[in-house]
């Protein structure tokens, strides 16, 4: 069985790879999508917003290196 920390690292790497290839879309529906994801997964909306903010900021920093 895989370590939960390692699963998280792999999931984050896949997410960043996908965001890098597909781009980041910021529009009025972005907030609604996060709300839908929160309801579907049971993850609190505030946590999802903080996660999205952190990952997006990291992606922008990597892009501007």
PDB file of N, CA and C in Angstrom:
ATOM      1  N   UNK A   1       0.836  -1.184   0.000  1.00  0.00           N
ATOM      2  CA  UNK A   1       0.000   0.000   0.000  1.00  0.00           C
ATOM      3  C   UNK A   1       0.883   1.252   0.000  1.00  0.00           C
ATOM      4  N   UNK A   2       0.506   2.230  -0.788  1.00  0.00           N
ATOM      5  CA  UNK A   2       1.306   3.433  -0.944  1.00  0.00           C
ATOM      6  C   UNK A   2       1.085   4.399   0.219  1.00  0.00           C
ATOM      7  N   UNK A   3       2.153   5.045   0.628  1.00  0.00           N
ATOM      8  CA  UNK A   3       2.122   6.041   1.693  1.00  0.00           C
ATOM      9  C   UNK A   3       1.230   7.221   1.274  1.00  0.00           C
ATOM     10  N   UNK A   4       0.316   7.679   2.135  1.00  0.00           N
ATOM     11  CA  UNK A   4      -0.578   8.793   1.783  1.00  0.00           C
ATOM     12  C   UNK A   4       0.169  10.071   1.382  1.00  0.00           C
ATOM     13  N   UNK A   5       1.321  10.324   2.013  1.00  0.00           N
ATOM     14  CA  UNK A   5       2.100  11.515   1.652  1.00  0.00           C
ATOM     15  C   UNK A   5       2.585  11.404   0.206  1.00  0.00           C
ATOM     16  N   UNK A   6       3.058  10.224  -0.160  1.00  0.00           N
ATOM     17  CA  UNK A   6       3.549  10.011  -1.532  1.00  0.00           C
ATOM     18  C   UNK A   6       2.410  10.126  -2.533  1.00  0.00           C
ATOM     19  N   UNK A   7       1.230   9.624  -2.180  1.00  0.00           N
ATOM     20  CA  UNK A   7       0.059   9.769  -3.048  1.00  0.00           C
ATOM     21  C   UNK A   7      -0.223  11.245  -3.313  1.00  0.00           C
ATOM     22  N   UNK A   8      -0.147  12.050  -2.254  1.00  0.00           N
ATOM     23  CA  UNK A   8      -0.380  13.486  -2.397  1.00  0.00           C
ATOM     24  C   UNK A   8       0.654  14.140  -3.299  1.00  0.00           C
ATOM     25  N   UNK A   9       1.916  13.736  -3.159  1.00  0.00           N
ATOM     26  CA  UNK A   9       2.978  14.282  -4.005  1.00  0.00           C
ATOM     27  C   UNK A   9       2.736  13.947  -5.473  1.00  0.00           C
ATOM     28  N   UNK A  10       2.344  12.713  -5.727  1.00  0.00           N
ATOM     29  CA  UNK A  10       2.073  12.282  -7.103  1.00  0.00           C
ATOM     30  C   UNK A  10       0.870  13.031  -7.664  1.00  0.00           C
ATOM     31  N   UNK A  11      -0.194  13.134  -6.870  1.00  0.00           N
ATOM     32  CA  UNK A  11      -1.399  13.841  -7.318  1.00  0.00           C
ATOM     33  C   UNK A  11      -1.092  15.300  -7.638  1.00  0.00           C
ATOM     34  N   UNK A  12      -0.289  15.951  -6.808  1.00  0.00           N
ATOM     35  CA  UNK A  12       0.068  17.349  -7.046  1.00  0.00           C
ATOM     36  C   UNK A  12       0.912  17.491  -8.312  1.00  0.00           C
ATOM     37  N   UNK A  13       1.845  16.576  -8.526  1.00  0.00           N
ATOM     38  CA  UNK A  13       2.671  16.622  -9.734  1.00  0.00           C
ATOM     39  C   UNK A  13       1.814  16.446 -10.986  1.00  0.00           C
ATOM     40  N   UNK A  14       0.842  15.535 -10.935  1.00  0.00           N
ATOM     41  CA  UNK A  14      -0.057  15.323 -12.074  1.00  0.00           C
ATOM     42  C   UNK A  14      -0.901  16.566 -12.313  1.00  0.00           C
ATOM     43  N   UNK A  15      -1.427  17.159 -11.232  1.00  0.00           N
ATOM     44  CA  UNK A  15      -2.233  18.374 -11.359  1.00  0.00           C
ATOM     45  C   UNK A  15      -1.428  19.501 -11.998  1.00  0.00           C
ATOM     46  N   UNK A  16      -0.206  19.717 -11.519  1.00  0.00           N
ATOM     47  CA  UNK A  16       0.633  20.782 -12.076  1.00  0.00           C
ATOM     48  C   UNK A  16       0.960  20.512 -13.540  1.00  0.00           C
ATOM     49  N   UNK A  17       1.238  19.269 -13.864  1.00  0.00           N
ATOM     50  CA  UNK A  17       1.525  18.918 -15.254  1.00  0.00           C
ATOM     51  C   UNK A  17       0.322  19.229 -16.137  1.00  0.00           C
ATOM     52  N   UNK A  18      -0.846  18.828 -15.672  1.00  0.00           N
ATOM     53  CA  UNK A  18      -2.073  19.068 -16.447  1.00  0.00           C
ATOM     54  C   UNK A  18      -2.356  20.568 -16.580  1.00  0.00           C
ATOM     55  N   UNK A  19      -2.198  21.307 -15.489  1.00  0.00           N
ATOM     56  CA  UNK A  19      -2.427  22.754 -15.542  1.00  0.00           C
ATOM     57  C   UNK A  19      -1.430  23.419 -16.493  1.00  0.00           C
ATOM     58  N   UNK A  20      -0.192  22.939 -16.485  1.00  0.00           N
ATOM     59  CA  UNK A  20       0.815  23.503 -17.370  1.00  0.00           C
ATOM     60  C   UNK A  20       0.503  23.258 -18.832  1.00  0.00           C
ATOM     61  N   UNK A  21      -0.065  22.105 -19.137  1.00  0.00           N
ATOM     62  CA  UNK A  21      -0.396  21.763 -20.521  1.00  0.00           C
ATOM     63  C   UNK A  21      -1.709  22.373 -20.986  1.00  0.00           C
ATOM     64  N   UNK A  22      -2.704  22.385 -20.107  1.00  0.00           N
ATOM     65  CA  UNK A  22      -4.040  22.852 -20.487  1.00  0.00           C
ATOM     66  C   UNK A  22      -4.277  24.317 -20.153  1.00  0.00           C
ATOM     67  N   UNK A  23      -3.437  24.884 -19.308  1.00  0.00           N
ATOM     68  CA  UNK A  23      -3.608  26.279 -18.918  1.00  0.00           C
ATOM     69  C   UNK A  23      -4.527  26.423 -17.717  1.00  0.00           C
ATOM     70  N   UNK A  24      -4.566  27.630 -17.212  1.00  0.00           N
ATOM     71  CA  UNK A  24      -5.393  27.960 -16.054  1.00  0.00           C
ATOM     72  C   UNK A  24      -6.479  28.905 -16.526  1.00  0.00           C
ATOM     73  N   UNK A  25      -7.721  28.525 -16.315  1.00  0.00           N
ATOM     74  CA  UNK A  25      -8.840  29.366 -16.725  1.00  0.00           C
ATOM     75  C   UNK A  25      -9.411  30.080 -15.509  1.00  0.00           C
ATOM     76  N   UNK A  26      -9.396  31.392 -15.560  1.00  0.00           N
ATOM     77  CA  UNK A  26      -9.985  32.195 -14.494  1.00  0.00           C
ATOM     78  C   UNK A  26     -11.130  32.986 -15.097  1.00  0.00           C
ATOM     79  N   UNK A  27     -12.331  32.645 -14.710  1.00  0.00           N
ATOM     80  CA  UNK A  27     -13.509  33.338 -15.205  1.00  0.00           C
ATOM     81  C   UNK A  27     -14.585  33.273 -14.130  1.00  0.00           C
ATOM     82  N   UNK A  28     -15.727  33.904 -14.350  1.00  0.00           N
ATOM     83  CA  UNK A  28     -16.776  33.909 -13.325  1.00  0.00           C
ATOM     84  C   UNK A  28     -17.228  32.510 -12.889  1.00  0.00           C
ATOM     85  N   UNK A  29     -17.064  31.517 -13.732  1.00  0.00           N
ATOM     86  CA  UNK A  29     -17.480  30.161 -13.367  1.00  0.00           C
ATOM     87  C   UNK A  29     -16.463  29.429 -12.495  1.00  0.00           C
ATOM     88  N   UNK A  30     -15.263  29.978 -12.347  1.00  0.00           N
ATOM     89  CA  UNK A  30     -14.225  29.311 -11.562  1.00  0.00           C
ATOM     90  C   UNK A  30     -14.676  29.098 -10.121  1.00  0.00           C
ATOM     91  N   UNK A  31     -15.271  30.110  -9.533  1.00  0.00           N
ATOM     92  CA  UNK A  31     -15.731  30.010  -8.144  1.00  0.00           C
ATOM     93  C   UNK A  31     -16.846  28.960  -8.026  1.00  0.00           C
ATOM     94  N   UNK A  32     -17.740  28.956  -8.991  1.00  0.00           N
ATOM     95  CA  UNK A  32     -18.834  27.978  -8.991  1.00  0.00           C
ATOM     96  C   UNK A  32     -18.276  26.558  -9.099  1.00  0.00           C
ATOM     97  N   UNK A  33     -17.269  26.373  -9.976  1.00  0.00           N
ATOM     98  CA  UNK A  33     -16.652  25.049 -10.125  1.00  0.00           C
ATOM     99  C   UNK A  33     -16.053  24.571  -8.807  1.00  0.00           C
ATOM    100  N   UNK A  34     -15.382  25.490  -8.095  1.00  0.00           N
ATOM    101  CA  UNK A  34     -14.813  25.112  -6.801  1.00  0.00           C
ATOM    102  C   UNK A  34     -15.915  24.704  -5.824  1.00  0.00           C
ATOM    103  N   UNK A  35     -17.025  25.430  -5.838  1.00  0.00           N
ATOM    104  CA  UNK A  35     -18.157  25.072  -4.978  1.00  0.00           C
ATOM    105  C   UNK A  35     -18.707  23.700  -5.315  1.00  0.00           C
ATOM    106  N   UNK A  36     -18.809  23.408  -6.602  1.00  0.00           N
ATOM    107  CA  UNK A  36     -19.289  22.089  -7.031  1.00  0.00           C
ATOM    108  C   UNK A  36     -18.330  20.984  -6.600  1.00  0.00           C
ATOM    109  N   UNK A  37     -17.041  21.253  -6.721  1.00  0.00           N
ATOM    110  CA  UNK A  37     -16.037  20.269  -6.299  1.00  0.00           C
ATOM    111  C   UNK A  37     -16.117  20.062  -4.789  1.00  0.00           C
ATOM    112  N   UNK A  38     -16.289  21.148  -4.045  1.00  0.00           N
ATOM    113  CA  UNK A  38     -16.398  21.046  -2.585  1.00  0.00           C
ATOM    114  C   UNK A  38     -17.576  20.155  -2.195  1.00  0.00           C
ATOM    115  N   UNK A  39     -18.708  20.372  -2.822  1.00  0.00           N
ATOM    116  CA  UNK A  39     -19.889  19.557  -2.513  1.00  0.00           C
ATOM    117  C   UNK A  39     -19.672  18.093  -2.904  1.00  0.00           C
ATOM    118  N   UNK A  40     -19.066  17.865  -4.054  1.00  0.00           N
ATOM    119  CA  UNK A  40     -18.879  16.496  -4.549  1.00  0.00           C
ATOM    120  C   UNK A  40     -17.856  15.710  -3.729  1.00  0.00           C
ATOM    121  N   UNK A  41     -16.839  16.399  -3.213  1.00  0.00           N
ATOM    122  CA  UNK A  41     -15.757  15.707  -2.515  1.00  0.00           C
ATOM    123  C   UNK A  41     -15.852  15.779  -0.995  1.00  0.00           C
ATOM    124  N   UNK A  42     -16.639  16.735  -0.492  1.00  0.00           N
ATOM    125  CA  UNK A  42     -16.713  16.928   0.952  1.00  0.00           C
ATOM    126  C   UNK A  42     -15.563  17.751   1.501  1.00  0.00           C
ATOM    127  N   UNK A  43     -14.728  18.290   0.623  1.00  0.00           N
ATOM    128  CA  UNK A  43     -13.628  19.155   1.047  1.00  0.00           C
ATOM    129  C   UNK A  43     -14.201  20.555   1.247  1.00  0.00           C
ATOM    130  N   UNK A  44     -13.923  21.197   2.395  1.00  0.00           N
ATOM    131  CA  UNK A  44     -14.457  22.538   2.627  1.00  0.00           C
ATOM    132  C   UNK A  44     -14.018  23.520   1.537  1.00  0.00           C
ATOM    133  N   UNK A  45     -14.938  24.389   1.137  1.00  0.00           N
ATOM    134  CA  UNK A  45     -14.672  25.357   0.072  1.00  0.00           C
ATOM    135  C   UNK A  45     -13.466  26.226   0.394  1.00  0.00           C
ATOM    136  N   UNK A  46     -13.342  26.672   1.630  1.00  0.00           N
ATOM    137  CA  UNK A  46     -12.208  27.531   1.997  1.00  0.00           C
ATOM    138  C   UNK A  46     -10.880  26.807   1.803  1.00  0.00           C
ATOM    139  N   UNK A  47     -10.835  25.517   2.100  1.00  0.00           N
ATOM    140  CA  UNK A  47      -9.611  24.744   1.882  1.00  0.00           C
ATOM    141  C   UNK A  47      -9.315  24.617   0.395  1.00  0.00           C
ATOM    142  N   UNK A  48     -10.340  24.380  -0.405  1.00  0.00           N
ATOM    143  CA  UNK A  48     -10.143  24.282  -1.856  1.00  0.00           C
ATOM    144  C   UNK A  48      -9.642  25.599  -2.427  1.00  0.00           C
ATOM    145  N   UNK A  49     -10.201  26.707  -1.965  1.00  0.00           N
ATOM    146  CA  UNK A  49      -9.758  28.017  -2.458  1.00  0.00           C
ATOM    147  C   UNK A  49      -8.308  28.280  -2.072  1.00  0.00           C
ATOM    148  N   UNK A  50      -7.933  27.935  -0.846  1.00  0.00           N
ATOM    149  CA  UNK A  50      -6.545  28.119  -0.410  1.00  0.00           C
ATOM    150  C   UNK A  50      -5.603  27.241  -1.232  1.00  0.00           C
ATOM    151  N   UNK A  51      -6.014  26.005  -1.492  1.00  0.00           N
ATOM    152  CA  UNK A  51      -5.206  25.089  -2.301  1.00  0.00           C
ATOM    153  C   UNK A  51      -5.051  25.625  -3.719  1.00  0.00           C
ATOM    154  N   UNK A  52      -6.155  26.056  -4.320  1.00  0.00           N
ATOM    155  CA  UNK A  52      -6.115  26.586  -5.688  1.00  0.00           C
ATOM    156  C   UNK A  52      -5.224  27.819  -5.757  1.00  0.00           C
ATOM    157  N   UNK A  53      -5.331  28.683  -4.756  1.00  0.00           N
ATOM    158  CA  UNK A  53      -4.508  29.898  -4.719  1.00  0.00           C
ATOM    159  C   UNK A  53      -3.024  29.530  -4.657  1.00  0.00           C
ATOM    160  N   UNK A  54      -2.687  28.580  -3.787  1.00  0.00           N
ATOM    161  CA  UNK A  54      -1.293  28.178  -3.616  1.00  0.00           C
ATOM    162  C   UNK A  54      -0.730  27.528  -4.882  1.00  0.00           C
ATOM    163  N   UNK A  55      -1.468  26.604  -5.461  1.00  0.00           N
ATOM    164  CA  UNK A  55      -0.991  25.908  -6.662  1.00  0.00           C
ATOM    165  C   UNK A  55      -0.884  26.881  -7.832  1.00  0.00           C
ATOM    166  N   UNK A  56      -1.862  27.757  -7.994  1.00  0.00           N
ATOM    167  CA  UNK A  56      -1.832  28.733  -9.086  1.00  0.00           C
ATOM    168  C   UNK A  56      -0.639  29.668  -8.937  1.00  0.00           C
ATOM    169  N   UNK A  57      -0.388  30.119  -7.716  1.00  0.00           N
ATOM    170  CA  UNK A  57       0.762  30.997  -7.466  1.00  0.00           C
ATOM    171  C   UNK A  57       2.069  30.282  -7.807  1.00  0.00           C
ATOM    172  N   UNK A  58       2.191  29.016  -7.404  1.00  0.00           N
ATOM    173  CA  UNK A  58       3.393  28.239  -7.731  1.00  0.00           C
ATOM    174  C   UNK A  58       3.568  28.106  -9.238  1.00  0.00           C
ATOM    175  N   UNK A  59       2.481  27.846  -9.949  1.00  0.00           N
ATOM    176  CA  UNK A  59       2.549  27.684 -11.403  1.00  0.00           C
ATOM    177  C   UNK A  59       2.987  28.984 -12.078  1.00  0.00           C
ATOM    178  N   UNK A  60       2.472  30.106 -11.608  1.00  0.00           N
ATOM    179  CA  UNK A  60       2.848  31.403 -12.183  1.00  0.00           C
ATOM    180  C   UNK A  60       4.323  31.674 -11.922  1.00  0.00           C
ATOM    181  N   UNK A  61       4.796  31.407 -10.708  1.00  0.00           N
ATOM    182  CA  UNK A  61       6.213  31.616 -10.387  1.00  0.00           C
ATOM    183  C   UNK A  61       7.105  30.753 -11.274  1.00  0.00           C
ATOM    184  N   UNK A  62       6.719  29.490 -11.475  1.00  0.00           N
ATOM    185  CA  UNK A  62       7.504  28.601 -12.333  1.00  0.00           C
ATOM    186  C   UNK A  62       7.527  29.109 -13.767  1.00  0.00           C
ATOM    187  N   UNK A  63       6.419  29.644 -14.215  1.00  0.00           N
ATOM    188  CA  UNK A  63       6.317  30.151 -15.583  1.00  0.00           C
ATOM    189  C   UNK A  63       7.207  31.371 -15.794  1.00  0.00           C
ATOM    190  N   UNK A  64       7.362  32.190 -14.764  1.00  0.00           N
ATOM    191  CA  UNK A  64       8.100  33.447 -14.889  1.00  0.00           C
ATOM    192  C   UNK A  64       9.577  33.321 -14.541  1.00  0.00           C
ATOM    193  N   UNK A  65      10.059  32.122 -14.301  1.00  0.00           N
ATOM    194  CA  UNK A  65      11.493  31.940 -14.003  1.00  0.00           C
ATOM    195  C   UNK A  65      12.329  32.246 -15.193  1.00  0.00           C
TER     196      UNK A  65
END
